[in-house]
Amino acid sequence: MPGRESVRPEKVERVDRLRQQLLAHPMTALVGLRGVPASALQTMRRGLHDRGHPILVAPNAAIRHALEEAAKESPSLAPLLEHVSDQTAILTAEGNPFSLFQELVRTRSPTPARGGELAPHDISVPAQTTSFKPGPIVGELQHAGFPAAIEKGKVVLKKDVTIVKAGQTISREVATMLTRLDIFPLEVGLTLRAVVEGGTFYPPSVLAVDLDSRRAELVRAHRRALGLAVEVSYPTTATIPLLLSKAHRRALTLAVAAGYPTKATIAPLLARALREAKAVESLEKA
């Protein structure tokens, strides 16, 4: 670390601890903490620690120095340096980066806007009959850009409206009205910025995979492949029991049709003979 001899010993020790932690685990992630209340963060940290994913919170300067030092021994960590900004923490673990991404997604929950935040996406408000009583609230809604009116003694929003576009600042007036309409446009929780697992760097865009959907696709593909393999009589560990069952059913059907007696065909042959005898008897009576 440059100027190490002029840095206070406790800072050097902190960087060394971070460096050791970075090198001790096969998976390292940078996590954004912006907007997470201290109490909620402590709860999230305990939960992740219990699942083997400890989060280390430190100043960005210490995280950069630790990454620079660790990258000398493990160069794959170097790309993480570009993602150290704002409020950052280090998460080290063993496991699957995709599962980790989903785990952090589950820490996020809707939260109301206070005003001054940038909209993460278009904030749309549907046409609706509100629970507000007619009064000054109509003017307040209209002033904030909501298409409010009074109809049949109720305050209504007459049409769908995109009240704030993605990237625009949410005004305090709009934020207040959204909260009163029970619309919470923001999310609070941990944000995965980037992961290095082994020698591979994963940006969030790669990790944002719907695992349940992918599992369902694999199940459907497996069923279709199995059906095709059975149809073309392709022998594998999975298809042999099905092929044998299919062959047995066909052989049994053929033996019965040909009147060939075996232990398996005697019962259906007798049943067929009985049906035919009854049919003949009914013809004679007629």
Foldseek 3Di string as FASTA:
>chain_A
DPPVVVDDPVLVVLLVVLLCLVVVFQKKFKKDQPPADPVLVVVVQVVCVVVFKHKAFDDLVSVLSSLVVNCVVVVLSVVCNVVRDDGIIMIGGDDDPLVVQVVQVVSKDFAFDQWFDFQQAFAKDAKDFAPDFDDCVQVLCVVLPFCWDADPRTIIRHGMDRSHGGGDTGHNSNRVVCVVRVHRRDMHTMHTAWMRGRNDIGGVVRSPDPVVVVVVVVVVVVVVVQVVCLVVVPDDPVNVVVVVVVVVVVVQVVCLVVVPDDPSNPVVVVVVVVVVVVVVVVVVVD
